[in-house]
């Protein structure tokens, strides 16, 4: 199990700026997960769902995960490696500077790491937290994806 950075409360968040987070455990992005994502989103482009055609026609030689599927794994992986105690809810406010750098082949493994870039207080005691996130692709020289996620933590 990965080490988890646990911030005791919202007020303590600024004390953890620049603290490394993760990495998470590896998660396999298999064809079953890719097909389920295609069904859920309606994005059934053959490069994601047709293994035989992808072998013949894709520049990658196999099916690849949707970029949005890679992003969608952030909440489950982030929960493994980062939490803020004593908050009532967390709202995902977006991702800045998002780059999909490497295709994620069906059967590949990803893990997530990051660090806290900044914390800004929000009226009512909440905090807006900017996290630098990197989706590491096992065996690749560069991450599959990078971005700055923005979450708001409420008391």
C-alpha atoms as a PDB file:
ATOM      1  CA  UNK A   1       0.000   0.000   0.000  1.00  0.00           C
ATOM      2  CA  UNK A   2       1.388   3.441  -0.868  1.00  0.00           C
ATOM      3  CA  UNK A   3       2.148   6.068   1.709  1.00  0.00           C
ATOM      4  CA  UNK A   4      -0.814   8.383   2.041  1.00  0.00           C
ATOM      5  CA  UNK A   5      -0.410  12.063   2.824  1.00  0.00           C
ATOM      6  CA  UNK A   6      -3.101  12.854   5.368  1.00  0.00           C
ATOM      7  CA  UNK A   7      -3.651  16.540   6.102  1.00  0.00           C
ATOM      8  CA  UNK A   8      -5.366  16.875   9.499  1.00  0.00           C
ATOM      9  CA  UNK A   9      -7.709  19.699   8.465  1.00  0.00           C
ATOM     10  CA  UNK A  10      -8.311  22.429   5.932  1.00  0.00           C
ATOM     11  CA  UNK A  11      -6.402  25.021   7.965  1.00  0.00           C
ATOM     12  CA  UNK A  12      -3.235  22.891   7.765  1.00  0.00           C
ATOM     13  CA  UNK A  13      -3.206  22.631   3.967  1.00  0.00           C
ATOM     14  CA  UNK A  14      -0.735  25.515   3.407  1.00  0.00           C
ATOM     15  CA  UNK A  15       1.815  23.649   5.559  1.00  0.00           C
ATOM     16  CA  UNK A  16       1.922  20.918   2.902  1.00  0.00           C
ATOM     17  CA  UNK A  17       2.661  23.042  -0.171  1.00  0.00           C
ATOM     18  CA  UNK A  18       5.398  21.357  -2.271  1.00  0.00           C
ATOM     19  CA  UNK A  19       5.036  18.088  -0.365  1.00  0.00           C
ATOM     20  CA  UNK A  20       5.305  15.085  -2.714  1.00  0.00           C
ATOM     21  CA  UNK A  21       2.200  12.905  -2.926  1.00  0.00           C
ATOM     22  CA  UNK A  22       2.338   9.272  -3.959  1.00  0.00           C
ATOM     23  CA  UNK A  23       2.838   7.361  -6.071  1.00  0.00           C
ATOM     24  CA  UNK A  24      -0.339   5.314  -5.905  1.00  0.00           C
ATOM     25  CA  UNK A  25      -0.571   1.608  -6.550  1.00  0.00           C
ATOM     26  CA  UNK A  26      -0.526   0.573 -10.209  1.00  0.00           C
ATOM     27  CA  UNK A  27      -3.903   0.203 -11.899  1.00  0.00           C
ATOM     28  CA  UNK A  28      -4.384  -1.836 -15.065  1.00  0.00           C
ATOM     29  CA  UNK A  29      -6.232  -0.160 -17.901  1.00  0.00           C
ATOM     30  CA  UNK A  30      -7.529  -3.273 -19.618  1.00  0.00           C
ATOM     31  CA  UNK A  31      -9.840  -3.590 -22.610  1.00  0.00           C
ATOM     32  CA  UNK A  32     -12.820  -4.317 -20.360  1.00  0.00           C
ATOM     33  CA  UNK A  33     -12.349  -0.949 -18.615  1.00  0.00           C
ATOM     34  CA  UNK A  34     -11.876   0.820 -21.962  1.00  0.00           C
ATOM     35  CA  UNK A  35     -15.035  -0.777 -23.400  1.00  0.00           C
ATOM     36  CA  UNK A  36     -17.053   0.150 -20.286  1.00  0.00           C
ATOM     37  CA  UNK A  37     -15.860   3.754 -20.591  1.00  0.00           C
ATOM     38  CA  UNK A  38     -16.832   3.764 -24.276  1.00  0.00           C
ATOM     39  CA  UNK A  39     -20.328   2.545 -23.392  1.00  0.00           C
ATOM     40  CA  UNK A  40     -20.674   5.103 -20.582  1.00  0.00           C
ATOM     41  CA  UNK A  41     -19.600   8.046 -22.739  1.00  0.00           C
ATOM     42  CA  UNK A  42     -20.752   6.992 -26.199  1.00  0.00           C
ATOM     43  CA  UNK A  43     -17.183   7.392 -27.489  1.00  0.00           C
ATOM     44  CA  UNK A  44     -16.836   4.078 -29.284  1.00  0.00           C
ATOM     45  CA  UNK A  45     -14.215   5.160 -31.810  1.00  0.00           C
ATOM     46  CA  UNK A  46     -12.548   2.021 -33.215  1.00  0.00           C
ATOM     47  CA  UNK A  47      -9.079   3.013 -31.966  1.00  0.00           C
ATOM     48  CA  UNK A  48     -10.437   2.340 -28.460  1.00  0.00           C
ATOM     49  CA  UNK A  49     -12.802  -0.574 -28.979  1.00  0.00           C
ATOM     50  CA  UNK A  50     -11.922  -2.628 -32.060  1.00  0.00           C
ATOM     51  CA  UNK A  51      -8.820  -4.649 -31.228  1.00  0.00           C
ATOM     52  CA  UNK A  52      -8.562  -6.365 -34.608  1.00  0.00           C
ATOM     53  CA  UNK A  53      -8.861  -3.147 -36.590  1.00  0.00           C
ATOM     54  CA  UNK A  54      -6.429  -1.379 -34.250  1.00  0.00           C
ATOM     55  CA  UNK A  55      -3.805  -4.049 -34.939  1.00  0.00           C
ATOM     56  CA  UNK A  56      -4.255  -3.541 -38.688  1.00  0.00           C
ATOM     57  CA  UNK A  57      -4.771   0.223 -38.946  1.00  0.00           C
ATOM     58  CA  UNK A  58      -3.731   2.047 -35.788  1.00  0.00           C
ATOM     59  CA  UNK A  59      -0.303   3.679 -35.666  1.00  0.00           C
ATOM     60  CA  UNK A  60      -0.030   2.161 -32.167  1.00  0.00           C
ATOM     61  CA  UNK A  61      -0.705  -1.430 -33.244  1.00  0.00           C
ATOM     62  CA  UNK A  62      -3.338  -1.980 -30.536  1.00  0.00           C
ATOM     63  CA  UNK A  63      -6.292  -0.284 -28.889  1.00  0.00           C
ATOM     64  CA  UNK A  64      -5.630   2.654 -26.601  1.00  0.00           C
ATOM     65  CA  UNK A  65      -7.533   4.116 -23.678  1.00  0.00           C
ATOM     66  CA  UNK A  66      -9.521   7.293 -24.095  1.00  0.00           C
ATOM     67  CA  UNK A  67      -7.663  10.351 -22.822  1.00  0.00           C
ATOM     68  CA  UNK A  68     -10.681  11.135 -20.674  1.00  0.00           C
ATOM     69  CA  UNK A  69     -10.534   7.633 -19.187  1.00  0.00           C
ATOM     70  CA  UNK A  70      -6.967   8.310 -18.083  1.00  0.00           C
ATOM     71  CA  UNK A  71      -8.167  11.526 -16.436  1.00  0.00           C
ATOM     72  CA  UNK A  72     -11.170   9.792 -14.904  1.00  0.00           C
ATOM     73  CA  UNK A  73      -8.856   7.520 -12.929  1.00  0.00           C
ATOM     74  CA  UNK A  74      -7.536  10.509 -10.936  1.00  0.00           C
ATOM     75  CA  UNK A  75     -10.170  10.473  -8.150  1.00  0.00           C
ATOM     76  CA  UNK A  76      -9.736   6.784  -7.305  1.00  0.00           C
ATOM     77  CA  UNK A  77      -5.933   6.978  -7.441  1.00  0.00           C
ATOM     78  CA  UNK A  78      -5.737  10.294  -5.590  1.00  0.00           C
ATOM     79  CA  UNK A  79      -7.798   8.868  -2.706  1.00  0.00           C
ATOM     80  CA  UNK A  80      -5.050   6.264  -2.209  1.00  0.00           C
ATOM     81  CA  UNK A  81      -2.340   8.866  -1.733  1.00  0.00           C
ATOM     82  CA  UNK A  82      -3.942  12.069  -0.400  1.00  0.00           C
ATOM     83  CA  UNK A  83      -6.719  13.066   1.950  1.00  0.00           C
ATOM     84  CA  UNK A  84      -7.808  15.983   4.077  1.00  0.00           C
ATOM     85  CA  UNK A  85      -9.466  15.061   7.353  1.00  0.00           C
ATOM     86  CA  UNK A  86     -12.333  16.991   8.887  1.00  0.00           C
ATOM     87  CA  UNK A  87     -13.902  18.201   5.678  1.00  0.00           C
ATOM     88  CA  UNK A  88     -17.523  17.650   4.699  1.00  0.00           C
ATOM     89  CA  UNK A  89     -17.136  17.534   0.936  1.00  0.00           C
ATOM     90  CA  UNK A  90     -14.697  17.900  -1.931  1.00  0.00           C
ATOM     91  CA  UNK A  91     -15.561  19.502  -5.261  1.00  0.00           C
ATOM     92  CA  UNK A  92     -13.508  18.946  -8.417  1.00  0.00           C
ATOM     93  CA  UNK A  93     -13.171  22.389  -9.986  1.00  0.00           C
ATOM     94  CA  UNK A  94     -11.192  21.436 -13.104  1.00  0.00           C
ATOM     95  CA  UNK A  95      -7.768  20.738 -14.553  1.00  0.00           C
ATOM     96  CA  UNK A  96      -5.390  23.383 -15.901  1.00  0.00           C
ATOM     97  CA  UNK A  97      -2.407  22.840 -18.192  1.00  0.00           C
ATOM     98  CA  UNK A  98      -3.624  19.378 -19.137  1.00  0.00           C
ATOM     99  CA  UNK A  99      -1.420  17.428 -21.523  1.00  0.00           C
ATOM    100  CA  UNK A 100      -1.958  13.897 -22.791  1.00  0.00           C
ATOM    101  CA  UNK A 101       1.629  12.924 -23.565  1.00  0.00           C
ATOM    102  CA  UNK A 102       1.628   9.165 -24.238  1.00  0.00           C
ATOM    103  CA  UNK A 103      -1.082   6.795 -25.475  1.00  0.00           C
ATOM    104  CA  UNK A 104      -2.192   4.253 -22.899  1.00  0.00           C
ATOM    105  CA  UNK A 105      -2.352   0.846 -24.583  1.00  0.00           C
ATOM    106  CA  UNK A 106      -4.972  -1.644 -23.457  1.00  0.00           C
ATOM    107  CA  UNK A 107      -3.373  -3.727 -20.726  1.00  0.00           C
ATOM    108  CA  UNK A 108      -1.022  -0.945 -19.601  1.00  0.00           C
ATOM    109  CA  UNK A 109      -0.574   0.052 -15.999  1.00  0.00           C
ATOM    110  CA  UNK A 110      -0.808   3.588 -14.610  1.00  0.00           C
ATOM    111  CA  UNK A 111      -0.144   5.156 -11.259  1.00  0.00           C
ATOM    112  CA  UNK A 112      -0.595   8.692  -9.973  1.00  0.00           C
ATOM    113  CA  UNK A 113       1.723  11.025  -8.122  1.00  0.00           C
ATOM    114  CA  UNK A 114       1.802  14.739  -7.492  1.00  0.00           C
ATOM    115  CA  UNK A 115       2.345  17.598  -5.105  1.00  0.00           C
ATOM    116  CA  UNK A 116       0.413  20.517  -3.680  1.00  0.00           C
ATOM    117  CA  UNK A 117       1.155  23.646  -5.702  1.00  0.00           C
ATOM    118  CA  UNK A 118      -0.912  26.158  -3.775  1.00  0.00           C
ATOM    119  CA  UNK A 119      -3.766  26.743  -1.394  1.00  0.00           C
ATOM    120  CA  UNK A 120      -6.181  29.658  -1.411  1.00  0.00           C
ATOM    121  CA  UNK A 121      -8.782  30.277   1.271  1.00  0.00           C
ATOM    122  CA  UNK A 122     -12.379  30.542   0.100  1.00  0.00           C
ATOM    123  CA  UNK A 123     -15.118  32.382   2.043  1.00  0.00           C
ATOM    124  CA  UNK A 124     -16.850  30.133   4.543  1.00  0.00           C
ATOM    125  CA  UNK A 125     -13.704  28.268   5.575  1.00  0.00           C
ATOM    126  CA  UNK A 126     -13.162  26.237   2.418  1.00  0.00           C
ATOM    127  CA  UNK A 127      -9.820  25.981   0.623  1.00  0.00           C
ATOM    128  CA  UNK A 128      -9.056  25.853  -3.095  1.00  0.00           C
ATOM    129  CA  UNK A 129      -6.128  23.482  -3.624  1.00  0.00           C
ATOM    130  CA  UNK A 130      -4.041  23.250  -6.787  1.00  0.00           C
ATOM    131  CA  UNK A 131      -2.363  19.881  -7.234  1.00  0.00           C
ATOM    132  CA  UNK A 132       0.235  19.007  -9.838  1.00  0.00           C
ATOM    133  CA  UNK A 133      -0.655  15.497 -10.998  1.00  0.00           C
ATOM    134  CA  UNK A 134       1.269  13.060 -13.166  1.00  0.00           C
ATOM    135  CA  UNK A 135      -0.131   9.783 -14.519  1.00  0.00           C
ATOM    136  CA  UNK A 136       2.923   7.553 -14.816  1.00  0.00           C
ATOM    137  CA  UNK A 137       2.748   4.911 -17.532  1.00  0.00           C
ATOM    138  CA  UNK A 138       4.700   1.788 -16.596  1.00  0.00           C
ATOM    139  CA  UNK A 139       7.724   1.370 -18.850  1.00  0.00           C
ATOM    140  CA  UNK A 140       7.362   4.752 -20.574  1.00  0.00           C
ATOM    141  CA  UNK A 141       9.980   7.488 -20.536  1.00  0.00           C
ATOM    142  CA  UNK A 142       7.446  10.221 -19.922  1.00  0.00           C
ATOM    143  CA  UNK A 143       4.069  10.370 -18.176  1.00  0.00           C
ATOM    144  CA  UNK A 144       0.881   9.447 -19.986  1.00  0.00           C
ATOM    145  CA  UNK A 145      -0.665  12.650 -18.728  1.00  0.00           C
ATOM    146  CA  UNK A 146       0.096  15.740 -16.654  1.00  0.00           C
ATOM    147  CA  UNK A 147      -2.131  18.477 -15.322  1.00  0.00           C
ATOM    148  CA  UNK A 148      -2.925  20.806 -12.466  1.00  0.00           C
ATOM    149  CA  UNK A 149      -6.082  19.613 -10.746  1.00  0.00           C
ATOM    150  CA  UNK A 150      -8.122  22.065  -8.704  1.00  0.00           C
ATOM    151  CA  UNK A 151     -10.192  20.817  -5.782  1.00  0.00           C
ATOM    152  CA  UNK A 152     -12.191  22.763  -3.214  1.00  0.00           C
ATOM    153  CA  UNK A 153     -12.279  21.280   0.287  1.00  0.00           C
ATOM    154  CA  UNK A 154     -15.187  22.352   2.511  1.00  0.00           C
ATOM    155  CA  UNK A 155     -15.348  22.274   6.322  1.00  0.00           C
END
